[in-house]
N, C-alpha and C. Protein backbone atom coordinates (compact mmCIF):
# COMPACT_ATOMS: atom_id res chain seq x y z
N MET A 1 -11.75 25.35 37.94
CA MET A 1 -10.94 26.42 38.46
C MET A 1 -10.85 26.31 39.98
N LEU A 2 -11.92 25.96 40.64
CA LEU A 2 -11.95 25.79 42.08
C LEU A 2 -11.04 24.64 42.50
N GLU A 3 -11.03 23.60 41.68
CA GLU A 3 -10.18 22.45 41.98
C GLU A 3 -8.70 22.82 41.90
N ALA A 4 -8.33 23.65 40.96
CA ALA A 4 -6.95 24.09 40.81
C ALA A 4 -6.52 24.92 42.02
N ALA A 5 -7.42 25.72 42.54
CA ALA A 5 -7.12 26.54 43.72
C ALA A 5 -6.93 25.65 44.94
N LEU A 6 -7.75 24.58 45.07
CA LEU A 6 -7.59 23.64 46.19
C LEU A 6 -6.27 22.89 46.11
N GLU A 7 -5.88 22.49 44.92
CA GLU A 7 -4.61 21.80 44.71
C GLU A 7 -3.44 22.70 45.09
N ALA A 8 -3.49 23.96 44.71
CA ALA A 8 -2.44 24.92 45.03
C ALA A 8 -2.35 25.15 46.53
N THR A 9 -3.50 25.19 47.21
CA THR A 9 -3.53 25.38 48.66
C THR A 9 -2.93 24.18 49.38
N LYS A 10 -3.26 22.96 48.92
CA LYS A 10 -2.71 21.74 49.52
C LYS A 10 -1.19 21.69 49.34
N ALA A 11 -0.70 22.05 48.16
CA ALA A 11 0.74 22.04 47.89
C ALA A 11 1.46 23.05 48.76
N ALA A 12 0.87 24.23 48.94
CA ALA A 12 1.49 25.26 49.77
C ALA A 12 1.52 24.84 51.23
N THR A 13 0.47 24.19 51.70
CA THR A 13 0.41 23.73 53.09
C THR A 13 1.43 22.63 53.33
N LYS A 14 1.58 21.73 52.37
CA LYS A 14 2.52 20.62 52.52
C LYS A 14 3.97 21.11 52.56
N SER A 15 4.35 22.04 51.69
CA SER A 15 5.71 22.55 51.69
C SER A 15 5.98 23.42 52.92
N GLY A 16 4.96 24.11 53.42
CA GLY A 16 5.11 24.93 54.61
C GLY A 16 5.37 24.09 55.85
N SER A 17 4.69 22.98 55.98
CA SER A 17 4.90 22.12 57.16
C SER A 17 6.25 21.43 57.11
N SER A 18 6.75 21.10 55.93
CA SER A 18 8.07 20.47 55.84
C SER A 18 9.17 21.47 56.19
N SER A 19 8.95 22.75 55.90
CA SER A 19 9.96 23.73 56.28
C SER A 19 9.97 23.93 57.80
N TYR A 20 8.81 23.82 58.45
CA TYR A 20 8.76 23.90 59.91
C TYR A 20 9.50 22.72 60.55
N ILE A 21 9.32 21.56 59.99
CA ILE A 21 10.02 20.38 60.51
C ILE A 21 11.52 20.55 60.35
N LEU A 22 11.94 21.08 59.22
CA LEU A 22 13.37 21.31 59.00
C LEU A 22 13.92 22.32 60.01
N ILE A 23 13.18 23.37 60.29
CA ILE A 23 13.60 24.37 61.27
C ILE A 23 13.68 23.75 62.66
N ILE A 24 12.73 22.89 63.01
CA ILE A 24 12.75 22.23 64.31
C ILE A 24 13.99 21.33 64.43
N TYR A 25 14.31 20.58 63.38
CA TYR A 25 15.51 19.74 63.39
C TYR A 25 16.78 20.57 63.59
N VAL A 26 16.86 21.69 62.93
CA VAL A 26 18.04 22.56 63.05
C VAL A 26 18.15 23.09 64.48
N ILE A 27 17.04 23.48 65.07
CA ILE A 27 17.04 24.00 66.44
C ILE A 27 17.44 22.90 67.43
N VAL A 28 16.90 21.70 67.25
CA VAL A 28 17.23 20.59 68.15
C VAL A 28 18.71 20.24 68.03
N PHE A 29 19.23 20.13 66.82
CA PHE A 29 20.65 19.82 66.64
C PHE A 29 21.53 20.93 67.21
N GLY A 30 21.14 22.18 66.99
CA GLY A 30 21.92 23.31 67.54
C GLY A 30 21.95 23.27 69.07
N GLY A 31 20.80 22.98 69.68
CA GLY A 31 20.77 22.85 71.14
C GLY A 31 21.62 21.70 71.63
N LEU A 32 21.55 20.56 70.95
CA LEU A 32 22.37 19.41 71.31
C LEU A 32 23.85 19.76 71.21
N TYR A 33 24.22 20.45 70.17
CA TYR A 33 25.62 20.83 69.99
C TYR A 33 26.10 21.77 71.10
N PHE A 34 25.35 22.82 71.37
CA PHE A 34 25.80 23.83 72.33
C PHE A 34 25.70 23.38 73.78
N PHE A 35 24.75 22.52 74.10
CA PHE A 35 24.58 22.11 75.49
C PHE A 35 25.22 20.77 75.84
N TYR A 36 25.58 19.96 74.84
CA TYR A 36 26.15 18.65 75.14
C TYR A 36 27.50 18.42 74.46
N LEU A 37 27.57 18.52 73.15
CA LEU A 37 28.79 18.17 72.42
C LEU A 37 29.93 19.15 72.65
N ARG A 38 29.65 20.42 72.60
CA ARG A 38 30.71 21.44 72.75
C ARG A 38 31.33 21.42 74.15
N PRO A 39 30.56 21.42 75.24
CA PRO A 39 31.19 21.35 76.57
C PRO A 39 31.95 20.05 76.79
N ARG A 40 31.43 18.96 76.25
CA ARG A 40 32.10 17.67 76.40
C ARG A 40 33.47 17.68 75.72
N SER A 41 33.54 18.21 74.51
CA SER A 41 34.82 18.25 73.80
C SER A 41 35.80 19.21 74.48
N LYS A 42 35.30 20.30 75.07
CA LYS A 42 36.18 21.21 75.81
C LYS A 42 36.77 20.53 77.04
N ARG A 43 35.94 19.75 77.78
CA ARG A 43 36.44 19.03 78.95
C ARG A 43 37.49 18.00 78.54
N GLN A 44 37.26 17.28 77.45
CA GLN A 44 38.22 16.28 76.99
C GLN A 44 39.53 16.93 76.57
N LYS A 45 39.44 18.05 75.89
CA LYS A 45 40.65 18.75 75.45
C LYS A 45 41.45 19.25 76.65
N ALA A 46 40.76 19.79 77.66
CA ALA A 46 41.45 20.26 78.86
C ALA A 46 42.10 19.11 79.60
N ALA A 47 41.45 17.97 79.66
CA ALA A 47 42.03 16.80 80.33
C ALA A 47 43.26 16.30 79.60
N ARG A 48 43.23 16.32 78.27
CA ARG A 48 44.41 15.92 77.48
C ARG A 48 45.58 16.86 77.71
N GLN A 49 45.30 18.16 77.78
CA GLN A 49 46.36 19.13 77.99
C GLN A 49 47.00 18.96 79.36
N VAL A 50 46.20 18.68 80.38
CA VAL A 50 46.72 18.49 81.73
C VAL A 50 47.58 17.24 81.79
N SER A 51 47.14 16.17 81.14
CA SER A 51 47.90 14.93 81.20
C SER A 51 49.20 15.01 80.39
N LYS A 52 49.26 15.89 79.39
CA LYS A 52 50.47 16.04 78.59
C LYS A 52 51.49 16.97 79.25
N LYS A 53 51.06 17.83 80.15
CA LYS A 53 51.96 18.80 80.76
C LYS A 53 52.84 18.08 81.77
N VAL A 54 54.13 18.16 81.53
CA VAL A 54 55.11 17.54 82.43
C VAL A 54 56.11 18.59 82.86
N ASP A 55 56.63 18.41 84.07
CA ASP A 55 57.63 19.31 84.60
C ASP A 55 58.95 18.56 84.72
N ILE A 56 60.02 19.30 84.93
CA ILE A 56 61.34 18.69 85.09
C ILE A 56 61.33 17.81 86.34
N GLY A 57 61.85 16.60 86.19
CA GLY A 57 61.89 15.65 87.30
C GLY A 57 60.77 14.63 87.28
N GLU A 58 59.71 14.88 86.51
CA GLU A 58 58.61 13.93 86.41
C GLU A 58 58.90 12.91 85.32
N ARG A 59 58.20 11.78 85.40
CA ARG A 59 58.34 10.75 84.38
C ARG A 59 57.27 10.97 83.33
N ALA A 60 57.63 10.75 82.06
CA ALA A 60 56.71 10.96 80.95
C ALA A 60 56.80 9.79 79.99
N GLN A 61 55.68 9.54 79.29
CA GLN A 61 55.64 8.49 78.27
C GLN A 61 55.37 9.15 76.93
N THR A 62 56.10 8.73 75.90
CA THR A 62 55.90 9.27 74.56
C THR A 62 54.82 8.47 73.85
N ILE A 63 54.42 8.94 72.67
CA ILE A 63 53.41 8.23 71.89
C ILE A 63 53.97 6.91 71.37
N GLY A 64 55.29 6.78 71.33
CA GLY A 64 55.91 5.53 70.89
C GLY A 64 56.10 4.54 72.02
N GLY A 65 55.84 4.95 73.26
CA GLY A 65 55.95 4.04 74.39
C GLY A 65 57.21 4.22 75.22
N PHE A 66 58.10 5.12 74.83
CA PHE A 66 59.32 5.36 75.60
C PHE A 66 58.97 6.07 76.90
N VAL A 67 59.52 5.58 78.00
CA VAL A 67 59.29 6.19 79.31
C VAL A 67 60.62 6.68 79.85
N GLY A 68 60.62 7.95 80.29
CA GLY A 68 61.84 8.52 80.84
C GLY A 68 61.53 9.68 81.76
N THR A 69 62.58 10.19 82.39
CA THR A 69 62.46 11.32 83.30
C THR A 69 62.78 12.59 82.55
N VAL A 70 61.98 13.63 82.72
CA VAL A 70 62.21 14.90 82.04
C VAL A 70 63.42 15.57 82.65
N VAL A 71 64.43 15.85 81.80
CA VAL A 71 65.67 16.48 82.25
C VAL A 71 65.64 17.97 81.95
N SER A 72 65.23 18.33 80.73
CA SER A 72 65.13 19.74 80.37
C SER A 72 63.94 19.92 79.44
N GLN A 73 63.50 21.19 79.38
CA GLN A 73 62.31 21.47 78.60
C GLN A 73 62.43 22.86 78.00
N THR A 74 62.24 22.96 76.68
CA THR A 74 62.17 24.24 75.98
C THR A 74 60.88 24.26 75.17
N ASP A 75 60.69 25.34 74.42
CA ASP A 75 59.49 25.40 73.58
C ASP A 75 59.58 24.41 72.42
N GLU A 76 60.78 24.06 72.00
CA GLU A 76 60.96 23.21 70.83
C GLU A 76 61.21 21.74 71.17
N PHE A 77 61.83 21.46 72.31
CA PHE A 77 62.19 20.08 72.66
C PHE A 77 61.98 19.80 74.14
N ILE A 78 61.70 18.52 74.43
CA ILE A 78 61.69 18.00 75.79
C ILE A 78 62.70 16.86 75.82
N THR A 79 63.65 16.94 76.75
CA THR A 79 64.69 15.91 76.85
C THR A 79 64.31 14.93 77.94
N LEU A 80 64.27 13.63 77.56
CA LEU A 80 63.96 12.56 78.50
C LEU A 80 65.20 11.70 78.71
N ARG A 81 65.41 11.30 79.97
CA ARG A 81 66.54 10.43 80.31
C ARG A 81 65.98 9.06 80.68
N SER A 82 66.54 8.03 80.05
CA SER A 82 66.08 6.66 80.34
C SER A 82 66.75 6.16 81.61
N ALA A 83 66.37 4.97 82.04
CA ALA A 83 66.94 4.39 83.25
C ALA A 83 68.42 4.08 83.08
N SER A 84 68.86 3.82 81.85
CA SER A 84 70.28 3.53 81.61
C SER A 84 71.11 4.80 81.43
N GLY A 85 70.49 5.97 81.47
CA GLY A 85 71.22 7.23 81.40
C GLY A 85 71.24 7.88 80.02
N VAL A 86 70.62 7.28 79.04
CA VAL A 86 70.59 7.84 77.69
C VAL A 86 69.57 8.96 77.65
N GLU A 87 69.97 10.10 77.08
CA GLU A 87 69.07 11.24 76.96
C GLU A 87 68.61 11.40 75.53
N LEU A 88 67.31 11.52 75.33
CA LEU A 88 66.72 11.68 74.01
C LEU A 88 65.86 12.93 74.00
N GLU A 89 65.87 13.63 72.86
CA GLU A 89 65.06 14.84 72.71
C GLU A 89 63.81 14.50 71.91
N PHE A 90 62.68 15.03 72.36
CA PHE A 90 61.40 14.82 71.69
C PHE A 90 60.72 16.16 71.51
N VAL A 91 59.91 16.28 70.46
CA VAL A 91 59.07 17.47 70.32
C VAL A 91 57.94 17.35 71.33
N PRO A 92 57.42 18.45 71.84
CA PRO A 92 56.39 18.38 72.88
C PRO A 92 55.13 17.62 72.46
N SER A 93 54.80 17.63 71.19
CA SER A 93 53.60 16.90 70.76
C SER A 93 53.79 15.39 70.81
N ALA A 94 55.02 14.91 70.98
CA ALA A 94 55.28 13.47 71.08
C ALA A 94 55.04 12.93 72.48
N ILE A 95 54.87 13.82 73.46
CA ILE A 95 54.61 13.37 74.83
C ILE A 95 53.13 13.00 74.92
N ALA A 96 52.87 11.74 75.27
CA ALA A 96 51.49 11.25 75.35
C ALA A 96 50.87 11.57 76.70
N ARG A 97 51.63 11.36 77.78
CA ARG A 97 51.06 11.57 79.10
C ARG A 97 52.15 11.53 80.15
N ARG A 98 51.78 11.97 81.35
CA ARG A 98 52.66 11.75 82.50
C ARG A 98 52.60 10.28 82.84
N PHE A 99 53.71 9.72 83.24
CA PHE A 99 53.75 8.30 83.55
C PHE A 99 53.69 8.12 85.05
N ASP A 100 52.57 7.62 85.54
CA ASP A 100 52.37 7.35 86.95
C ASP A 100 52.03 5.87 87.09
N PRO A 101 53.03 5.02 87.28
CA PRO A 101 52.72 3.59 87.38
C PRO A 101 51.93 3.29 88.64
N VAL A 102 51.04 2.35 88.53
CA VAL A 102 50.21 1.93 89.65
C VAL A 102 50.98 0.87 90.43
N VAL A 103 51.20 1.13 91.71
CA VAL A 103 51.94 0.20 92.56
C VAL A 103 50.93 -0.59 93.37
N VAL A 104 50.98 -1.91 93.21
CA VAL A 104 50.08 -2.79 93.95
C VAL A 104 50.87 -3.37 95.12
N PRO A 105 50.42 -3.09 96.35
CA PRO A 105 51.17 -3.61 97.50
C PRO A 105 51.04 -5.14 97.56
N GLU A 106 52.13 -5.77 97.93
CA GLU A 106 52.13 -7.23 98.05
C GLU A 106 51.56 -7.62 99.40
N ALA A 107 50.86 -8.73 99.43
CA ALA A 107 50.27 -9.23 100.68
C ALA A 107 51.35 -9.96 101.48
N ARG A 108 51.37 -9.67 102.77
CA ARG A 108 52.31 -10.37 103.64
C ARG A 108 51.64 -11.62 104.19
N ASP A 109 52.44 -12.59 104.63
CA ASP A 109 51.90 -13.84 105.14
C ASP A 109 51.10 -13.66 106.42
N ASP A 110 51.50 -12.68 107.26
CA ASP A 110 50.79 -12.51 108.53
C ASP A 110 49.44 -11.80 108.37
N GLU A 111 49.17 -11.22 107.19
CA GLU A 111 47.89 -10.57 106.95
C GLU A 111 46.80 -11.57 106.59
N HIS A 112 47.16 -12.68 106.00
CA HIS A 112 46.19 -13.68 105.56
C HIS A 112 46.53 -15.03 106.17
N PRO A 113 46.07 -15.29 107.36
CA PRO A 113 46.37 -16.60 107.96
C PRO A 113 45.67 -17.72 107.19
N GLU A 114 46.30 -18.86 107.16
CA GLU A 114 45.77 -19.99 106.40
C GLU A 114 44.88 -20.89 107.24
N GLY A 115 43.99 -20.37 107.99
CA GLY A 115 43.08 -21.18 108.78
C GLY A 115 43.45 -21.16 110.24
N ASP A 116 42.72 -21.89 111.03
CA ASP A 116 42.98 -21.95 112.47
C ASP A 116 43.90 -23.11 112.78
N LYS A 117 45.16 -22.84 112.95
CA LYS A 117 46.13 -23.88 113.31
C LYS A 117 46.47 -23.72 114.78
N GLN A 118 46.12 -24.70 115.57
CA GLN A 118 46.42 -24.61 117.01
C GLN A 118 47.05 -25.85 117.51
């Protein structure tokens, strides 16, 4: 009878410690979510919204790769004009980003002399 009581005590202690470990895992994951994952996803979402917001006169790129100048904008459509003058309407969710091409200045010959020629 004493042995049965010891076995029951060992089983209760073992299941109790596993529940504490489970609670610790939940607390650690919850802290990770609230202090790292959630703020990170909010920052990424805000950055995406800023890059998608275009005004009239700015250049925009669609998710399909079309680049044009914003001519008009409503809640339902954004009209882009291509370089050849063709105007196309897109839904706002089709705008991927503002198009800001990177311009690399060309080097002039007088900036880089080719050695000492005298």
